[in-house]
C-alpha atoms as a PDB file:
ATOM      1  CA  MET A   1     -10.124   4.388  -2.679  1.00  0.00           C
ATOM      2  CA  ILE A   2      -6.368   4.369  -3.198  1.00  0.00           C
ATOM      3  CA  GLN A   3      -4.491   2.124  -5.614  1.00  0.00           C
ATOM      4  CA  PHE A   4      -0.820   1.330  -5.228  1.00  0.00           C
ATOM      5  CA  ASN A   5       1.384  -0.432  -7.753  1.00  0.00           C
ATOM      6  CA  VAL A   6       3.794  -2.419  -5.612  1.00  0.00           C
ATOM      7  CA  GLU A   7       6.986  -4.205  -6.654  1.00  0.00           C
ATOM      8  CA  GLY A   8       8.440  -7.152  -4.815  1.00  0.00           C
ATOM      9  CA  MET A   9       5.296  -9.156  -4.044  1.00  0.00           C
ATOM     10  CA  SER A  10       5.578 -12.723  -5.315  1.00  0.00           C
ATOM     11  CA  CYS A  11       3.518 -14.997  -3.045  1.00  0.00           C
ATOM     12  CA  GLN A  12       0.679 -15.205  -0.532  1.00  0.00           C
ATOM     13  CA  HIS A  13       3.105 -14.388   2.277  1.00  0.00           C
ATOM     14  CA  CYS A  14       3.745 -11.052   0.544  1.00  0.00           C
ATOM     15  CA  VAL A  15       0.004 -10.433   0.258  1.00  0.00           C
ATOM     16  CA  GLY A  16      -0.375 -11.061   3.980  1.00  0.00           C
ATOM     17  CA  ALA A  17       2.583  -8.858   4.879  1.00  0.00           C
ATOM     18  CA  VAL A  18       1.260  -5.903   2.873  1.00  0.00           C
ATOM     19  CA  THR A  19      -2.257  -6.384   4.238  1.00  0.00           C
ATOM     20  CA  ARG A  20      -0.989  -6.532   7.829  1.00  0.00           C
ATOM     21  CA  ALA A  21       1.181  -3.449   7.314  1.00  0.00           C
ATOM     22  CA  ILE A  22      -1.820  -1.447   6.109  1.00  0.00           C
ATOM     23  CA  ARG A  23      -4.108  -2.738   8.843  1.00  0.00           C
ATOM     24  CA  GLU A  24      -1.582  -1.757  11.519  1.00  0.00           C
ATOM     25  CA  HIS A  25      -2.485   1.834  10.605  1.00  0.00           C
ATOM     26  CA  ASP A  26      -6.207   1.241   9.992  1.00  0.00           C
ATOM     27  CA  ALA A  27      -7.633  -1.981  11.409  1.00  0.00           C
ATOM     28  CA  GLU A  28     -10.855  -1.491   9.439  1.00  0.00           C
ATOM     29  CA  ALA A  29      -9.177  -0.898   6.061  1.00  0.00           C
ATOM     30  CA  LYS A  30     -10.492  -2.901   3.129  1.00  0.00           C
ATOM     31  CA  VAL A  31      -7.466  -4.282   1.299  1.00  0.00           C
ATOM     32  CA  GLU A  32      -7.489  -6.119  -2.015  1.00  0.00           C
ATOM     33  CA  VAL A  33      -4.243  -7.391  -3.520  1.00  0.00           C
ATOM     34  CA  ASP A  34      -3.954  -8.520  -7.141  1.00  0.00           C
ATOM     35  CA  LEU A  35      -0.684 -10.440  -6.986  1.00  0.00           C
ATOM     36  CA  PRO A  36      -0.095 -10.914 -10.750  1.00  0.00           C
ATOM     37  CA  SER A  37      -0.412  -7.173 -11.472  1.00  0.00           C
ATOM     38  CA  GLY A  38       1.107  -5.963  -8.207  1.00  0.00           C
ATOM     39  CA  ARG A  39      -1.912  -3.747  -7.579  1.00  0.00           C
ATOM     40  CA  VAL A  40      -3.057  -3.072  -4.030  1.00  0.00           C
ATOM     41  CA  THR A  41      -6.440  -1.369  -3.657  1.00  0.00           C
ATOM     42  CA  VAL A  42      -7.269   0.134  -0.279  1.00  0.00           C
ATOM     43  CA  GLU A  43     -10.283   1.816   1.265  1.00  0.00           C
ATOM     44  CA  SER A  44      -9.011   3.483   4.420  1.00  0.00           C
ATOM     45  CA  LYS A  45      -9.347   6.491   6.671  1.00  0.00           C
ATOM     46  CA  GLN A  46      -5.565   6.915   6.462  1.00  0.00           C
ATOM     47  CA  SER A  47      -3.849   9.034   3.821  1.00  0.00           C
ATOM     48  CA  ALA A  48      -1.990   7.596   0.860  1.00  0.00           C
ATOM     49  CA  ASP A  49       1.233   8.901   2.441  1.00  0.00           C
ATOM     50  CA  VAL A  50       0.718   6.863   5.610  1.00  0.00           C
ATOM     51  CA  LEU A  51      -0.205   3.707   3.705  1.00  0.00           C
ATOM     52  CA  LYS A  52       2.700   4.069   1.259  1.00  0.00           C
ATOM     53  CA  THR A  53       5.101   4.379   4.171  1.00  0.00           C
ATOM     54  CA  ALA A  54       3.597   1.267   5.774  1.00  0.00           C
ATOM     55  CA  ILE A  55       4.073  -0.728   2.554  1.00  0.00           C
ATOM     56  CA  ASP A  56       7.632   0.577   2.156  1.00  0.00           C
ATOM     57  CA  GLU A  57       8.472  -0.311   5.761  1.00  0.00           C
ATOM     58  CA  ALA A  58       7.147  -3.844   5.164  1.00  0.00           C
ATOM     59  CA  GLY A  59       9.916  -4.226   2.579  1.00  0.00           C
ATOM     60  CA  TYR A  60       8.059  -3.563  -0.671  1.00  0.00           C
ATOM     61  CA  THR A  61       8.416  -0.744  -3.207  1.00  0.00           C
ATOM     62  CA  VAL A  62       5.473   1.441  -4.165  1.00  0.00           C
ATOM     63  CA  VAL A  63       6.106   2.580  -7.735  1.00  0.00           C
ATOM     64  CA  ALA A  64       2.812   4.385  -8.402  1.00  0.00           C
ATOM     65  CA  VAL A  65      -0.189   5.686  -6.489  1.00  0.00           C
ATOM     66  CA  SER A  66      -3.587   6.764  -7.730  1.00  0.00           C
ATOM     67  CA  GLY A  67      -6.786   7.808  -6.014  1.00  0.00           C
ATOM     68  CA  SER A  68      -7.503   9.820  -2.881  1.00  0.00           C
ATOM     69  CA  GLY A  69      -4.819  11.245  -0.673  1.00  0.00           C
ATOM     70  CA  THR A  70      -1.396  12.646  -1.379  1.00  0.00           C
ATOM     71  CA  VAL A  71       2.020  11.146  -1.587  1.00  0.00           C
ATOM     72  CA  ALA A  72       5.101  13.140  -0.717  1.00  0.00           C
ATOM     73  CA  GLY A  73       7.622  13.536  -3.492  1.00  0.00           C
ATOM     74  CA  PRO A  74      11.374  13.271  -3.012  1.00  0.00           C
ATOM     75  CA  ALA A  75      11.578  16.916  -1.894  1.00  0.00           C
ATOM     76  CA  ASN A  76       9.126  16.240   0.931  1.00  0.00           C
ATOM     77  CA  ALA A  77      10.397  12.824   1.975  1.00  0.00           C
END
């Protein structure tokens, strides 16, 4: 399980956009979004790096990641 803290989500449209972005990389991913806290919890076969990139490309900012997988730092980006 991977948890992302995501900035920029403010409505159900945002929830749908983030969910769709993740599921484009893993159609079977289990995605839970807690809109008030900005927390996105994902169970996926994809790495945290792939999912973070998907969220970023959907127009949202991942500010923290915890759980399985790795996330590239600025030197690796």
